[in-house]
Structure formats: structure tokens, C-alpha cells
Amino acid sequence: MSFIAMNRFKVRHGFEDAFETMWRDRESRLNDMPGFVEFRLLKGPDGDGFRLYTSHVVWASRTDFEGWTKSQQFRDSHKGAGNSTTRDALMGPPQFEGYETVLHQT
């Protein structure tokens, strides 16, 4: 079964377009990695002063995901993650959640 890696981001109101553009324009390098299945950036509900976003990445296995986190491709795709635009846009660091698939229906 697969592994799903998600990061939740609280994006300050007024920074949504910049946040989405940053994701759209970045060099992800995910397609270079064995076991990569799918990526989605999800726009969620409004909170108190923020909009919730989640990055959702499906991997063939936890091992494939862990390989990604230790790769040069990972370092390359995250090299601008701490820039001033990101710091201004986010209300704190992203929250990681990882899930093993136990049931999958299509």
C-alpha cells in the first residue's frame, strides 16, 4: 500500500496568492524520485486570520518518501523555503502528518 505525506500551512490572509504562486513556480523535483505517485496543494477553510493549506503527496511506500527527504532533489526543492515571503505569509512552521494506507478503493 501507499504512504501519504502532508504538511499543513496556516497562511495569513492577504498572502494566499503569493503562497500559491510560490508553489506553482518552484522546481519540485518530485518526478525525479522513485515511488512518487501524485502531488496536490489543497486550499482549505478560513481560520482566525489565516487560510489553511495542505500539501498532499502520495508515495508508493514510506521507504520511497524517506528516500525523498534524504535526497539532493529534496534539498534543491526546499532551498528557498525560509525566504522572507514565506516567513511573512506563514503563521508558524508547517505541521507534518504521515499516513500509511490501510484501505484504498477506486
Protein backbone atom coordinates (compact mmCIF):
# COMPACT_ATOMS: atom_id res chain seq x y z
CA MET A 1 0.00 0.00 0.00
CA SER A 2 0.99 3.65 -0.25
CA PHE A 3 2.21 6.36 2.10
CA ILE A 4 0.71 9.86 2.18
CA ALA A 5 2.82 12.78 3.38
CA MET A 6 1.02 16.01 4.23
CA ASN A 7 2.11 19.38 5.53
CA ARG A 8 -0.44 21.85 6.89
CA PHE A 9 0.24 25.56 6.43
CA LYS A 10 -1.56 28.47 8.10
CA VAL A 11 -1.25 31.23 5.50
CA ARG A 12 -2.04 34.76 6.69
CA HIS A 13 -4.94 36.45 4.96
CA GLY A 14 -3.66 38.55 2.08
CA PHE A 15 -0.77 36.16 1.28
CA GLU A 16 -2.80 33.39 -0.39
CA ASP A 17 -1.94 34.37 -3.98
CA ALA A 18 1.79 34.71 -3.20
CA PHE A 19 1.77 31.34 -1.42
CA GLU A 20 0.05 29.59 -4.32
CA THR A 21 2.39 31.26 -6.84
CA MET A 22 5.43 30.13 -4.84
CA TRP A 23 4.25 26.51 -5.06
CA ARG A 24 3.28 26.81 -8.72
CA ASP A 25 6.63 28.31 -9.76
CA ARG A 26 9.03 26.22 -7.68
CA GLU A 27 11.11 23.38 -9.04
CA SER A 28 9.58 20.42 -7.19
CA ARG A 29 11.87 17.59 -8.41
CA LEU A 30 9.25 15.05 -7.22
CA ASN A 31 9.01 13.49 -10.68
CA ASP A 32 12.70 12.57 -10.41
CA MET A 33 12.06 10.29 -7.44
CA PRO A 34 11.24 6.59 -7.40
CA GLY A 35 7.90 5.88 -5.80
CA PHE A 36 6.39 9.33 -6.38
CA VAL A 37 2.73 8.96 -7.35
CA GLU A 38 0.93 12.29 -7.02
CA PHE A 39 1.13 15.81 -5.56
CA ARG A 40 -1.71 18.17 -4.69
CA LEU A 41 -1.78 21.55 -2.98
CA LEU A 42 -5.13 21.83 -1.20
CA LYS A 43 -6.78 25.10 -0.21
CA GLY A 44 -8.86 24.67 2.91
CA PRO A 45 -11.10 26.70 5.16
CA ASP A 46 -10.53 30.12 6.66
CA GLY A 47 -9.37 30.31 10.24
CA ASP A 48 -8.80 33.21 12.61
CA GLY A 49 -6.59 35.41 10.42
CA PHE A 50 -5.42 32.63 8.12
CA ARG A 51 -6.37 30.25 5.31
CA LEU A 52 -5.44 26.60 5.81
CA TYR A 53 -3.47 24.88 3.02
CA THR A 54 -2.21 21.32 2.86
CA SER A 55 0.41 19.78 0.59
CA HIS A 56 -0.62 16.18 -0.12
CA VAL A 57 1.92 13.80 -1.65
CA VAL A 58 1.23 10.15 -2.39
CA TRP A 59 4.22 7.80 -2.39
CA ALA A 60 4.35 4.11 -3.26
CA SER A 61 5.83 3.42 0.20
CA ARG A 62 7.16 5.06 3.35
CA THR A 63 10.64 4.00 2.21
CA ASP A 64 10.21 6.00 -1.01
CA PHE A 65 9.10 9.05 0.99
CA GLU A 66 12.08 8.73 3.34
CA GLY A 67 14.38 8.46 0.32
CA TRP A 68 12.92 11.76 -0.93
CA THR A 69 13.60 13.52 2.38
CA LYS A 70 17.28 12.48 2.24
CA SER A 71 17.81 13.33 -1.43
CA GLN A 72 19.52 16.19 -3.23
CA GLN A 73 16.20 16.74 -5.05
CA PHE A 74 14.54 17.43 -1.67
CA ARG A 75 17.26 19.92 -0.71
CA ASP A 76 17.02 21.63 -4.11
CA SER A 77 13.24 21.97 -3.97
CA HIS A 78 13.28 23.39 -0.42
CA LYS A 79 16.23 25.78 -0.75
CA GLY A 80 14.00 28.90 -0.72
CA ALA A 81 11.60 27.67 1.97
CA GLY A 82 12.83 30.11 4.62
CA ASN A 83 12.77 33.27 2.50
CA SER A 84 11.13 36.47 3.72
CA THR A 85 7.96 35.96 1.65
CA THR A 86 7.40 32.58 3.26
CA ARG A 87 8.14 33.90 6.75
CA ASP A 88 5.69 36.78 6.25
CA ALA A 89 2.99 34.50 4.80
CA LEU A 90 3.02 31.72 7.38
CA MET A 91 1.70 31.71 10.92
CA GLY A 92 4.35 29.32 12.24
CA PRO A 93 6.07 26.33 10.71
CA PRO A 94 4.14 23.72 8.72
CA GLN A 95 2.79 20.71 10.58
CA PHE A 96 3.80 17.37 9.08
CA GLU A 97 1.49 14.36 9.07
CA GLY A 98 2.37 10.98 7.54
CA TYR A 99 -0.11 8.18 6.92
CA GLU A 100 0.20 4.54 5.91
CA THR A 101 -2.64 3.45 3.63
CA VAL A 102 -4.61 0.60 5.13
CA LEU A 103 -7.60 0.65 2.75
CA HIS A 104 -7.88 2.06 -0.78
CA GLN A 105 -10.96 1.97 -3.01
CA THR A 106 -11.33 3.38 -6.52
